[in-house]
Protein backbone atom coordinates (compact mmCIF):
# COMPACT_ATOMS: atom_id res chain seq x y z
CA MET A 1 103.74 73.33 140.95
CA ALA A 2 104.61 74.13 137.35
CA GLN A 3 108.00 75.75 136.73
CA LYS A 4 107.90 79.46 135.97
CA ARG A 5 108.69 80.04 132.28
CA LYS A 6 111.70 82.19 131.52
CA PHE A 7 112.43 83.04 127.89
CA LEU A 8 115.69 84.43 126.52
CA PHE A 9 115.06 86.36 123.29
CA PHE A 10 118.30 86.78 121.32
CA TYR A 11 118.49 89.43 118.57
CA LEU A 12 120.96 91.59 116.62
CA THR A 13 120.57 95.24 115.60
CA THR A 14 120.70 94.57 111.84
CA GLY A 15 117.63 96.50 110.74
CA ALA A 16 114.55 97.08 112.86
CA GLY A 17 112.66 93.92 111.93
CA HIS A 18 114.45 91.49 114.23
CA ILE A 19 114.13 93.45 117.44
CA SER A 20 110.62 94.72 116.67
CA THR A 21 109.44 91.13 116.18
CA ALA A 22 111.05 90.15 119.47
CA ARG A 23 109.25 92.98 121.24
CA VAL A 24 105.89 91.99 119.77
CA MET A 25 106.38 88.37 120.83
CA LYS A 26 107.42 89.48 124.31
CA GLU A 27 104.16 91.37 124.81
CA CYS A 28 102.12 88.54 123.35
CA ILE A 29 103.65 85.86 125.56
CA LEU A 30 103.14 88.02 128.66
CA LYS A 31 99.53 88.52 127.60
CA ASN A 32 99.02 84.74 127.44
CA ASN A 33 101.17 83.96 130.49
CA PRO A 34 101.53 86.99 132.81
CA ASP A 35 103.80 85.02 135.15
CA ALA A 36 106.39 84.39 132.44
CA GLU A 37 109.68 86.28 132.34
CA ILE A 38 111.24 87.42 129.07
CA VAL A 39 114.79 88.74 128.87
CA MET A 40 115.91 90.34 125.58
CA ILE A 41 119.63 90.03 124.82
CA ASN A 42 121.85 91.27 122.01
CA GLY A 43 123.65 88.12 120.90
CA PHE A 44 126.92 90.00 120.32
CA ASP A 45 128.59 91.44 123.41
CA LYS A 46 130.65 94.65 123.25
CA LYS A 47 133.86 92.68 122.81
CA ASN A 48 132.61 90.89 119.69
CA PHE A 49 134.37 93.27 117.32
CA TRP A 50 134.13 91.13 114.17
CA GLY A 51 130.52 90.20 114.73
CA GLN A 52 129.46 93.81 115.11
CA LEU A 53 131.60 94.91 112.16
CA ILE A 54 130.25 92.27 109.76
CA PHE A 55 126.63 91.84 110.78
CA GLU A 56 125.68 95.19 112.31
CA LYS A 57 127.91 97.95 110.91
CA GLY A 58 128.47 96.09 107.63
CA TYR A 59 124.73 95.59 107.09
CA TYR A 60 123.99 99.27 107.83
CA VAL A 61 126.65 100.61 105.47
CA SER A 62 125.94 98.20 102.60
CA THR A 63 122.16 98.70 102.60
CA ASN A 64 122.19 102.48 103.05
CA PHE A 65 125.31 103.77 101.31
CA PHE A 66 127.03 101.17 99.11
CA HIS A 67 124.05 99.42 97.54
CA GLY A 68 126.18 97.30 95.21
CA MET A 69 128.01 95.74 98.17
CA TYR A 70 124.96 94.07 99.70
CA PRO A 71 123.75 92.16 96.58
CA LEU A 72 127.25 90.71 96.13
CA THR A 73 127.49 89.69 99.79
CA TYR A 74 123.93 88.35 99.78
CA ASP A 75 124.50 86.13 96.74
CA ILE A 76 127.77 84.74 98.11
CA ALA A 77 126.15 84.13 101.50
CA GLN A 78 123.51 81.91 99.89
CA HIS A 79 126.20 79.21 99.59
CA ARG A 80 126.76 76.89 102.52
CA PHE A 81 130.58 76.95 102.31
CA PHE A 82 130.56 80.73 102.85
CA GLN A 83 128.13 80.40 105.77
CA THR A 84 130.38 77.79 107.36
CA GLY A 85 133.42 80.06 106.98
CA MET A 86 131.63 82.97 108.65
CA LEU A 87 130.46 80.76 111.51
CA ARG A 88 133.98 79.54 112.17
CA LEU A 89 135.32 83.10 112.24
CA LEU A 90 133.06 84.08 115.15
CA LYS A 91 132.44 80.69 116.73
CA LEU A 92 134.83 80.71 119.70
CA HIS A 93 133.99 84.13 121.15
CA THR A 94 130.26 84.14 120.36
CA THR A 95 129.55 80.61 121.63
CA ARG A 96 131.49 81.28 124.83
CA TYR A 97 129.52 84.48 125.45
CA LEU A 98 126.13 82.84 124.77
CA ARG A 99 127.03 79.89 126.99
CA LYS A 100 127.89 82.32 129.80
CA VAL A 101 124.57 84.17 129.39
CA ILE A 102 122.55 80.95 129.41
CA ARG A 103 124.31 79.73 132.55
CA ARG A 104 123.67 83.06 134.28
CA GLU A 105 120.02 83.48 133.28
CA LYS A 106 118.93 79.83 133.64
CA PRO A 107 116.10 80.00 131.05
CA THR A 108 113.41 77.43 130.39
CA ASP A 109 113.14 78.49 126.72
CA ILE A 110 115.28 80.27 124.12
CA VAL A 111 114.15 82.01 120.92
CA SER A 112 116.53 83.27 118.25
CA PHE A 113 115.42 86.21 116.11
CA HIS A 114 118.52 86.31 113.90
CA PHE A 115 120.03 83.69 111.61
CA ALA A 116 123.59 84.61 112.65
CA LEU A 117 122.91 83.57 116.25
CA SER A 118 120.96 80.33 115.85
CA PRO A 119 123.91 77.93 115.15
CA TYR A 120 125.91 79.44 118.04
CA LEU A 121 122.97 79.05 120.41
CA ALA A 122 122.58 75.42 119.36
CA LYS A 123 126.30 74.82 119.99
CA ALA A 124 126.18 76.62 123.37
CA LEU A 125 123.24 74.48 124.51
CA LYS A 126 124.99 71.31 123.36
CA ASP A 127 128.11 72.29 125.32
CA LEU A 128 126.10 72.92 128.47
CA ASP A 129 124.63 69.40 128.33
CA GLU A 130 121.93 70.18 130.88
CA ASP A 131 119.82 67.41 132.41
CA LYS A 132 116.69 69.02 131.00
CA LYS A 133 116.99 70.12 127.41
CA ILE A 134 116.18 73.81 126.85
CA PRO A 135 113.93 74.26 123.78
CA LEU A 136 115.48 76.50 121.09
CA SER A 137 113.13 78.02 118.50
CA VAL A 138 114.08 80.21 115.55
CA MET A 139 111.66 82.94 114.49
CA VAL A 140 112.35 83.72 110.82
CA THR A 141 111.65 87.44 110.37
CA ASP A 142 111.87 87.49 106.55
CA PRO A 143 108.33 86.61 105.43
CA PHE A 144 108.74 85.38 101.86
CA THR A 145 112.15 85.38 100.17
CA VAL A 146 114.13 83.96 103.07
CA PRO A 147 117.97 83.92 102.86
CA HIS A 148 119.29 80.35 102.99
CA CYS A 149 121.45 81.12 106.02
CA TRP A 150 118.32 81.14 108.22
CA PHE A 151 118.18 77.36 107.75
CA TYR A 152 121.87 76.56 108.26
CA ASP A 153 121.22 74.24 111.23
CA ARG A 154 118.78 71.66 109.91
CA SER A 155 117.98 70.22 113.34
CA LEU A 156 116.35 73.32 114.82
CA GLN A 157 112.66 74.22 115.12
CA TYR A 158 111.65 77.08 112.80
CA LEU A 159 108.66 79.42 112.86
CA VAL A 160 107.99 81.04 109.45
CA TYR A 161 105.32 83.37 108.07
CA SER A 162 104.45 81.73 104.74
CA GLU A 163 104.35 78.53 102.70
CA GLN A 164 106.92 80.12 100.42
CA ALA A 165 109.32 80.48 103.36
CA LYS A 166 108.65 76.89 104.46
CA GLN A 167 109.46 75.55 101.00
CA ILE A 168 112.78 77.40 101.02
CA GLY A 169 113.61 75.70 104.32
CA ILE A 170 112.67 72.29 102.94
CA LYS A 171 114.90 72.87 99.90
CA GLN A 172 117.72 73.57 102.37
CA LYS A 173 117.08 70.04 103.72
CA VAL A 174 115.29 71.05 106.92
CA PRO A 175 112.67 68.36 107.73
CA ALA A 176 109.15 69.64 107.01
CA GLU A 177 108.05 68.75 110.55
CA ASN A 178 110.67 71.19 111.90
CA ILE A 179 109.02 74.17 110.16
CA THR A 180 105.76 75.66 111.43
CA ILE A 181 103.85 78.41 109.61
CA VAL A 182 102.65 81.08 112.05
CA PRO A 183 100.77 84.42 111.71
CA PHE A 184 102.71 87.62 111.06
CA ALA A 185 104.00 89.14 114.31
CA LEU A 186 102.61 92.68 114.29
CA ASN A 187 102.49 95.38 116.93
CA PRO A 188 98.93 95.39 118.38
CA LYS A 189 98.68 99.15 117.72
CA TYR A 190 98.43 98.40 114.00
CA GLN A 191 95.88 95.63 114.45
CA ALA A 192 93.32 97.68 116.38
CA PRO A 193 90.36 98.63 114.11
CA PHE A 194 89.70 102.33 113.54
CA THR A 195 86.86 104.39 112.07
CA LYS A 196 86.58 107.57 109.99
CA ASP A 197 85.90 109.43 113.22
CA ASP A 198 89.16 108.08 114.63
CA VAL A 199 91.01 109.30 111.55
CA ALA A 200 89.43 112.75 111.92
CA ALA A 201 90.50 112.84 115.57
CA LEU A 202 94.07 111.88 114.64
CA LYS A 203 94.21 114.59 111.96
CA LYS A 204 93.06 117.14 114.49
CA LYS A 205 95.58 115.90 117.06
CA HIS A 206 98.53 116.19 114.66
CA GLY A 207 97.43 119.37 112.86
CA TYR A 208 96.31 118.04 109.47
CA ASP A 209 93.66 119.54 107.19
CA GLN A 210 90.53 117.39 107.48
CA LYS A 211 89.59 118.01 103.85
CA LYS A 212 92.89 116.98 102.29
CA LYS A 213 94.24 113.59 101.37
CA THR A 214 97.53 112.76 103.08
CA LEU A 215 100.72 111.16 101.75
CA LEU A 216 103.06 109.52 104.27
CA MET A 217 106.72 108.80 103.48
CA VAL A 218 108.54 106.48 105.85
CA GLY A 219 111.72 104.46 105.50
CA GLY A 220 112.67 103.05 108.87
CA GLY A 221 115.35 104.55 111.10
CA ASP A 222 117.18 106.27 108.25
CA GLY A 223 114.31 107.89 106.42
CA ILE A 224 113.05 107.39 102.88
CA PRO A 225 115.37 107.61 99.85
CA GLY A 226 114.31 110.22 97.30
CA ALA A 227 112.21 112.19 99.82
CA ILE A 228 113.75 115.55 98.91
CA GLU A 229 113.20 114.97 95.18
CA ILE A 230 109.56 114.03 95.80
CA ILE A 231 108.99 117.15 97.92
CA ASN A 232 110.57 119.33 95.23
CA LYS A 233 108.13 117.80 92.77
CA CYS A 234 105.28 118.62 95.19
CA ILE A 235 106.43 122.24 95.17
CA LEU A 236 106.72 122.44 91.39
CA ARG A 237 103.33 120.83 90.81
CA LYS A 238 101.54 122.75 93.61
CA ALA A 239 100.46 119.56 95.37
CA ASN A 240 96.91 119.75 96.76
CA PHE A 241 97.47 117.05 99.41
CA ALA A 242 99.21 117.02 102.77
CA ILE A 243 102.62 115.35 103.10
CA ALA A 244 104.18 113.71 106.16
CA VAL A 245 107.86 112.74 106.01
CA ILE A 246 109.54 110.59 108.67
CA CYS A 247 113.29 111.26 108.57
CA GLY A 248 114.23 108.95 111.42
CA HIS A 249 117.81 109.58 112.52
CA ASP A 250 118.69 111.53 109.35
CA LYS A 251 119.04 114.98 110.93
CA ALA A 252 120.46 116.56 107.76
CA LYS A 253 117.43 115.55 105.71
CA GLN A 254 115.08 116.70 108.45
CA THR A 255 116.75 120.13 108.63
CA PHE A 256 116.68 120.55 104.84
CA LEU A 257 112.99 119.62 104.58
CA GLU A 258 112.10 121.98 107.41
CA SER A 259 113.87 124.74 105.45
CA LEU A 260 111.81 123.88 102.36
CA LYS A 261 108.68 124.10 104.48
CA LYS A 262 109.59 127.60 105.66
CA LEU A 263 110.38 128.73 102.12
CA ASN A 264 107.04 127.36 100.88
CA PRO A 265 104.53 128.08 103.65
CA TRP A 266 101.59 127.16 101.38
CA LEU A 267 102.86 123.56 101.16
CA ASP A 268 101.09 121.35 103.69
CA LEU A 269 104.31 119.61 104.76
CA HIS A 270 104.87 117.90 108.12
CA VAL A 271 108.43 116.82 108.93
CA TYR A 272 109.35 114.40 111.72
CA GLY A 273 112.53 112.89 113.12
CA PHE A 274 112.43 109.67 115.10
CA ILE A 275 108.91 109.12 116.53
CA ASP A 276 107.04 106.51 118.57
CA TYR A 277 103.56 107.17 117.15
CA LEU A 278 104.03 106.02 113.56
CA ASP A 279 100.82 103.99 113.84
CA GLU A 280 98.81 107.22 114.20
CA LEU A 281 100.37 108.77 111.09
CA VAL A 282 99.76 105.57 109.14
CA LYS A 283 96.10 105.58 110.13
CA LEU A 284 95.51 109.22 109.14
CA SER A 285 97.26 108.79 105.78
CA ASP A 286 95.74 107.75 102.45
CA CYS A 287 98.87 106.41 100.75
CA VAL A 288 102.35 105.45 101.99
CA VAL A 289 105.67 105.68 100.15
CA MET A 290 108.17 103.35 101.80
CA LYS A 291 110.97 100.81 101.56
CA ALA A 292 110.07 97.11 101.60
CA GLY A 293 111.11 96.30 105.16
CA PRO A 294 108.85 93.46 106.34
CA ALA A 295 107.74 94.84 109.71
CA THR A 296 106.72 98.30 108.49
CA LEU A 297 105.18 96.98 105.25
CA LEU A 298 102.93 94.50 107.06
CA GLU A 299 101.99 97.10 109.67
CA VAL A 300 100.91 99.53 106.94
CA LEU A 301 98.96 96.85 105.07
CA ALA A 302 97.29 95.76 108.33
CA CYS A 303 95.93 99.32 108.51
CA LYS A 304 94.63 98.88 104.93
CA LYS A 305 96.77 101.64 103.47
CA PRO A 306 98.10 101.21 99.90
CA VAL A 307 101.85 101.47 99.44
CA ILE A 308 104.32 102.66 96.84
CA ILE A 309 107.56 100.77 97.41
CA CYS A 310 110.57 102.77 96.27
CA ARG A 311 113.30 100.28 97.17
CA TYR A 312 113.84 96.78 98.45
CA ILE A 313 116.99 95.05 99.64
CA HIS A 314 118.35 92.77 96.91
CA ASN A 315 116.35 89.51 96.80
CA GLN A 316 115.87 89.43 100.59
CA GLU A 317 112.96 91.91 100.45
CA LYS A 318 111.85 91.15 96.90
CA GLY A 319 109.11 88.85 98.18
CA ASN A 320 107.75 91.61 100.41
CA MET A 321 107.43 93.92 97.42
CA GLN A 322 105.83 91.19 95.28
CA PHE A 323 103.32 90.40 98.03
CA ALA A 324 102.03 93.99 97.97
CA VAL A 325 102.04 94.26 94.17
CA ASP A 326 100.52 90.81 93.50
CA ASN A 327 97.67 91.52 95.92
CA LYS A 328 97.00 94.88 94.20
CA VAL A 329 97.58 96.91 97.36
CA GLY A 330 100.93 98.33 96.30
CA TYR A 331 103.16 99.54 93.48
CA PHE A 332 106.90 99.29 92.89
CA ILE A 333 108.31 102.56 91.53
CA GLN A 334 111.91 103.71 92.05
CA LYS A 335 112.21 107.05 90.27
CA PRO A 336 111.10 109.95 92.55
CA SER A 337 109.38 111.85 89.73
CA LYS A 338 107.39 108.75 88.78
CA ILE A 339 106.50 108.19 92.43
CA TYR A 340 105.04 111.68 92.59
CA ASP A 341 103.05 111.09 89.39
CA LYS A 342 101.53 107.91 90.84
CA VAL A 343 100.72 109.60 94.18
CA GLU A 344 98.98 112.47 92.39
CA GLU A 345 97.06 110.00 90.23
CA LEU A 346 95.91 107.92 93.20
CA LEU A 347 94.99 110.74 95.56
CA ASN A 348 93.01 112.56 92.88
CA ASP A 349 91.12 109.45 91.78
CA GLU A 350 87.56 109.71 93.15
CA LYS A 351 87.15 105.92 93.00
CA PHE A 352 90.54 105.22 94.62
CA ASP A 353 89.19 104.45 98.12
CA GLU A 354 86.53 102.15 96.72
CA LYS A 355 89.07 100.21 94.65
CA MET A 356 91.45 99.81 97.55
CA GLU A 357 88.67 98.70 99.88
CA LYS A 358 87.89 95.78 97.54
CA ASN A 359 91.56 94.84 97.19
CA PHE A 360 92.17 94.88 100.93
CA ALA A 361 89.02 92.83 101.51
CA ALA A 362 90.60 90.10 99.37
CA LEU A 363 93.99 90.35 101.10
CA LYS A 364 94.82 87.36 103.30
CA LEU A 365 96.86 88.69 106.21
CA ASP A 366 96.82 86.54 109.34
CA THR A 367 98.09 88.63 112.27
CA ASP A 368 96.79 86.57 115.20
CA THR A 369 100.09 86.54 117.10
CA ASP A 370 98.44 84.79 120.04
CA LYS A 371 98.71 81.58 118.00
CA THR A 372 102.49 81.94 117.88
CA ALA A 373 102.71 82.71 121.59
CA LYS A 374 100.70 79.57 122.38
CA ILE A 375 103.04 77.47 120.20
CA LEU A 376 106.07 78.76 122.11
CA LEU A 377 104.36 78.28 125.46
CA ALA A 378 103.40 74.71 124.54
CA LYS A 379 107.04 73.62 124.10
């Protein structure tokens, strides 16, 4: 009788992309092997003060509040000597914790969804020296411009989303046979086809005017930068389209926008906090203003909605932005007033839908995550 498969999925809470990819892969593996068990584990325990400070709190602060800090850190972290120094700082505590988890859970397979965990997992497995080697795979969640630190351990097996990502790994001296290109891991909700009737039903469900075009603004857990300025422009220009703004955990922005809505009852503005039905708002929208986070960007493009990218994280997300722009399904505009001008231009263009339909027809976006699940199950 074949051994029951038990996967440990290790992630960190640095942005939503890592954990969302892990969740998608969990559902996909269970779909292909219902008897499998998947346990998702934060690779830093509560006692890992430095790990949380540097990789979780540090990432959040630098990307949302001190934007100049992240580019500096990112560029330094591209160098192997810096990566080695960081690994040594956290090595003792992190490796000991991961070794303890592996002993307790007794997995048949391990998948790392964060570059900061992969070398520690490799060391923990080496220390355990089990009779049967436990396969360790690394799922690289940055699709195009991949930070070099993902490929620090050249002996591991990597799953990447693009040839561009694979070439970066090869340049970091990872053997080509250790890098496999796989489809983008997307939530199935965004992959399901939908019709005009479905869009009409969603507009009715969420209280949108059936006759109006709809702009969606979304920026992950912390909302979209420049949202207030764009809404003020909508008020000044008497916008003739509906607007949906996802504020995420930014309660102050949500409260302010709700006040603007009350003061301007004619404005077709819909304000949300943190929601679990983003896929429905994406599908009923006509254009999306967003940051260049890989998971949300690919989900929006899978629904064939054009994007205006207002910000990307220095170099790390540059490839995401270029993918949308190069394939003529997106624009990169930072200034809120210019974003509004482009939205107004697009939503009032009678041939806009026709143009976008042609561009999306030419877009090559492989989202068959079953292929990735089968690769992991074949190990």
